Amino acid sequence: MLKVALAFVCIVAFTPSTRCQVEQIQAVIAGIVSPQHAAEINAVLAAQPNVVMSRTDMHSKNLLIHALPECTLDVAAINALIHPFGVNARCFKRERLVPGQFKHLDPQSCGSGPIQNR
């Protein structure tokens, strides 16, 4: 389903001469207390410019965002957006999306401070 949605965004949002290169942003979100809390955080992140899809999971503490390259979200921007919810992002990772190669980040081996890959 997600692959179909990404393909649709690429077809509708871009001219034939433009390549659709969606990037995957991942982080661990420390401090999530309920599914509703995760949903509120996700709503703010999903509403950001050039974000195609956002998912915040309470159980795994993982954040997954699919974004266009023009998206300016980095660990500092994400932390500024989610700070009012009493949470923070760490182990930030941003790379080109490769379908089928998603792997959760481990909150316990992540450390306590933000680590930025890009």
C-alpha atoms as a PDB file:
ATOM      1  CA  MET A   1       0.000   0.000   0.000  1.00  0.00           C
ATOM      2  CA  LEU A   2       2.801   2.408   0.906  1.00  0.00           C
ATOM      3  CA  LYS A   3       4.610   1.682  -2.359  1.00  0.00           C
ATOM      4  CA  VAL A   4       1.425   2.431  -4.275  1.00  0.00           C
ATOM      5  CA  ALA A   5       1.008   5.729  -2.405  1.00  0.00           C
ATOM      6  CA  LEU A   6       4.604   6.751  -3.139  1.00  0.00           C
ATOM      7  CA  ALA A   7       4.217   5.866  -6.800  1.00  0.00           C
ATOM      8  CA  PHE A   8       1.025   7.930  -6.943  1.00  0.00           C
ATOM      9  CA  VAL A   9       2.759  10.945  -5.366  1.00  0.00           C
ATOM     10  CA  CYS A  10       5.616  10.629  -7.843  1.00  0.00           C
ATOM     11  CA  ILE A  11       3.254  10.417 -10.819  1.00  0.00           C
ATOM     12  CA  VAL A  12       0.954  13.253  -9.740  1.00  0.00           C
ATOM     13  CA  ALA A  13       3.461  15.658  -8.177  1.00  0.00           C
ATOM     14  CA  PHE A  14       6.251  15.551 -10.743  1.00  0.00           C
ATOM     15  CA  THR A  15       6.640  16.187 -14.428  1.00  0.00           C
ATOM     16  CA  PRO A  16       8.015  13.324 -16.527  1.00  0.00           C
ATOM     17  CA  SER A  17      11.443  14.962 -16.637  1.00  0.00           C
ATOM     18  CA  THR A  18      11.696  15.046 -12.840  1.00  0.00           C
ATOM     19  CA  ARG A  19      12.913  12.021 -10.913  1.00  0.00           C
ATOM     20  CA  CYS A  20      11.020  11.106  -7.788  1.00  0.00           C
ATOM     21  CA  GLN A  21      13.638  10.571  -5.121  1.00  0.00           C
ATOM     22  CA  VAL A  22      11.948  10.211  -1.788  1.00  0.00           C
ATOM     23  CA  GLU A  23      14.160  10.285   1.277  1.00  0.00           C
ATOM     24  CA  GLN A  24      13.635   8.284   4.447  1.00  0.00           C
ATOM     25  CA  ILE A  25      14.053  10.023   7.784  1.00  0.00           C
ATOM     26  CA  GLN A  26      14.270   7.907  10.916  1.00  0.00           C
ATOM     27  CA  ALA A  27      14.739   8.718  14.574  1.00  0.00           C
ATOM     28  CA  VAL A  28      13.981   7.385  18.006  1.00  0.00           C
ATOM     29  CA  ILE A  29      11.449   9.495  19.899  1.00  0.00           C
ATOM     30  CA  ALA A  30      12.035   9.407  23.658  1.00  0.00           C
ATOM     31  CA  GLY A  31       9.140  10.196  25.977  1.00  0.00           C
ATOM     32  CA  ILE A  32       6.076   8.920  24.105  1.00  0.00           C
ATOM     33  CA  VAL A  33       3.481   7.887  26.701  1.00  0.00           C
ATOM     34  CA  SER A  34       0.443   6.722  24.721  1.00  0.00           C
ATOM     35  CA  PRO A  35      -0.822   5.980  21.225  1.00  0.00           C
ATOM     36  CA  GLN A  36      -2.709   9.305  21.312  1.00  0.00           C
ATOM     37  CA  HIS A  37       0.520  11.117  22.224  1.00  0.00           C
ATOM     38  CA  ALA A  38       2.268   9.456  19.263  1.00  0.00           C
ATOM     39  CA  ALA A  39      -0.631  10.422  16.977  1.00  0.00           C
ATOM     40  CA  GLU A  40      -0.435  14.085  18.060  1.00  0.00           C
ATOM     41  CA  ILE A  41       3.314  14.169  17.402  1.00  0.00           C
ATOM     42  CA  ASN A  42       2.798  12.476  14.061  1.00  0.00           C
ATOM     43  CA  ALA A  43       0.120  14.982  13.013  1.00  0.00           C
ATOM     44  CA  VAL A  44       2.536  17.886  13.498  1.00  0.00           C
ATOM     45  CA  LEU A  45       5.352  16.167  11.602  1.00  0.00           C
ATOM     46  CA  ALA A  46       3.123  14.958   8.763  1.00  0.00           C
ATOM     47  CA  ALA A  47       1.908  18.520   8.178  1.00  0.00           C
ATOM     48  CA  GLN A  48       5.404  19.854   7.415  1.00  0.00           C
ATOM     49  CA  PRO A  49       6.216  21.019   3.877  1.00  0.00           C
ATOM     50  CA  ASN A  50       7.463  18.307   1.497  1.00  0.00           C
ATOM     51  CA  VAL A  51       6.627  15.463   3.882  1.00  0.00           C
ATOM     52  CA  VAL A  52       4.954  12.640   1.951  1.00  0.00           C
ATOM     53  CA  MET A  53       4.224  10.357   4.911  1.00  0.00           C
ATOM     54  CA  SER A  54       4.978  10.278   8.618  1.00  0.00           C
ATOM     55  CA  ARG A  55       4.566   7.507  11.190  1.00  0.00           C
ATOM     56  CA  THR A  56       5.345   7.711  14.894  1.00  0.00           C
ATOM     57  CA  ASP A  57       5.048   4.420  16.770  1.00  0.00           C
ATOM     58  CA  MET A  58       4.552   4.366  20.533  1.00  0.00           C
ATOM     59  CA  HIS A  59       5.696   0.786  21.035  1.00  0.00           C
ATOM     60  CA  SER A  60       8.965   0.860  19.081  1.00  0.00           C
ATOM     61  CA  LYS A  61       9.581   4.591  19.761  1.00  0.00           C
ATOM     62  CA  ASN A  62      10.481   4.878  16.071  1.00  0.00           C
ATOM     63  CA  LEU A  63       9.718   7.804  13.819  1.00  0.00           C
ATOM     64  CA  LEU A  64       9.592   7.188  10.077  1.00  0.00           C
ATOM     65  CA  ILE A  65       9.129  10.019   7.596  1.00  0.00           C
ATOM     66  CA  HIS A  66       9.169   9.825   3.812  1.00  0.00           C
ATOM     67  CA  ALA A  67      10.032  13.246   2.450  1.00  0.00           C
ATOM     68  CA  LEU A  68      10.974  14.943  -0.758  1.00  0.00           C
ATOM     69  CA  PRO A  69      14.591  16.118  -1.014  1.00  0.00           C
ATOM     70  CA  GLU A  70      13.389  19.727  -0.596  1.00  0.00           C
ATOM     71  CA  CYS A  71      12.150  18.916   2.917  1.00  0.00           C
ATOM     72  CA  THR A  72      14.269  20.824   5.437  1.00  0.00           C
ATOM     73  CA  LEU A  73      13.596  18.617   8.455  1.00  0.00           C
ATOM     74  CA  ASP A  74      16.707  17.758  10.416  1.00  0.00           C
ATOM     75  CA  VAL A  75      17.097  16.657  14.024  1.00  0.00           C
ATOM     76  CA  ALA A  76      17.015  20.243  15.320  1.00  0.00           C
ATOM     77  CA  ALA A  77      13.857  21.096  13.370  1.00  0.00           C
ATOM     78  CA  ILE A  78      12.129  17.899  14.477  1.00  0.00           C
ATOM     79  CA  ASN A  79      13.077  18.543  18.103  1.00  0.00           C
ATOM     80  CA  ALA A  80      11.760  22.108  17.883  1.00  0.00           C
ATOM     81  CA  LEU A  81       8.443  20.803  16.521  1.00  0.00           C
ATOM     82  CA  ILE A  82       7.999  18.015  19.072  1.00  0.00           C
ATOM     83  CA  HIS A  83       9.420  19.775  22.161  1.00  0.00           C
ATOM     84  CA  PRO A  84       5.960  21.069  23.210  1.00  0.00           C
ATOM     85  CA  PHE A  85       4.889  17.413  23.580  1.00  0.00           C
ATOM     86  CA  GLY A  86       7.640  16.723  26.128  1.00  0.00           C
ATOM     87  CA  VAL A  87       9.585  14.382  23.827  1.00  0.00           C
ATOM     88  CA  ASN A  88      12.820  14.517  21.882  1.00  0.00           C
ATOM     89  CA  ALA A  89      14.368  12.858  18.848  1.00  0.00           C
ATOM     90  CA  ARG A  90      17.710  11.115  18.866  1.00  0.00           C
ATOM     91  CA  CYS A  91      19.615   8.801  16.539  1.00  0.00           C
ATOM     92  CA  PHE A  92      18.493  10.842  13.536  1.00  0.00           C
ATOM     93  CA  LYS A  93      19.118   9.190  10.194  1.00  0.00           C
ATOM     94  CA  ARG A  94      18.291  10.533   6.718  1.00  0.00           C
ATOM     95  CA  GLU A  95      18.986   8.706   3.487  1.00  0.00           C
ATOM     96  CA  ARG A  96      17.525   7.950   0.094  1.00  0.00           C
ATOM     97  CA  LEU A  97      14.514   5.651   0.392  1.00  0.00           C
ATOM     98  CA  VAL A  98      15.201   2.116  -0.789  1.00  0.00           C
ATOM     99  CA  PRO A  99      11.892   0.214  -0.790  1.00  0.00           C
ATOM    100  CA  GLY A 100      12.021  -2.967   1.245  1.00  0.00           C
ATOM    101  CA  GLN A 101      15.113  -1.993   3.229  1.00  0.00           C
ATOM    102  CA  PHE A 102      13.485  -0.467   6.308  1.00  0.00           C
ATOM    103  CA  LYS A 103      14.930  -1.482   9.659  1.00  0.00           C
ATOM    104  CA  HIS A 104      13.747  -0.167  13.048  1.00  0.00           C
ATOM    105  CA  LEU A 105      16.203   1.809  15.141  1.00  0.00           C
ATOM    106  CA  ASP A 106      16.859   0.260  18.551  1.00  0.00           C
ATOM    107  CA  PRO A 107      15.978   2.781  21.289  1.00  0.00           C
ATOM    108  CA  GLN A 108      18.168   0.986  23.848  1.00  0.00           C
ATOM    109  CA  SER A 109      21.359   1.061  21.783  1.00  0.00           C
ATOM    110  CA  CYS A 110      20.646   4.571  20.573  1.00  0.00           C
ATOM    111  CA  GLY A 111      22.135   6.566  23.443  1.00  0.00           C
ATOM    112  CA  SER A 112      20.656   9.675  24.975  1.00  0.00           C
ATOM    113  CA  GLY A 113      21.712  12.513  22.673  1.00  0.00           C
ATOM    114  CA  PRO A 114      20.774  13.323  19.094  1.00  0.00           C
ATOM    115  CA  ILE A 115      23.055  11.580  16.599  1.00  0.00           C
ATOM    116  CA  GLN A 116      22.763  12.960  13.113  1.00  0.00           C
ATOM    117  CA  ASN A 117      23.706  10.980   9.992  1.00  0.00           C
ATOM    118  CA  ARG A 118      22.912  13.866   7.697  1.00  0.00           C
END
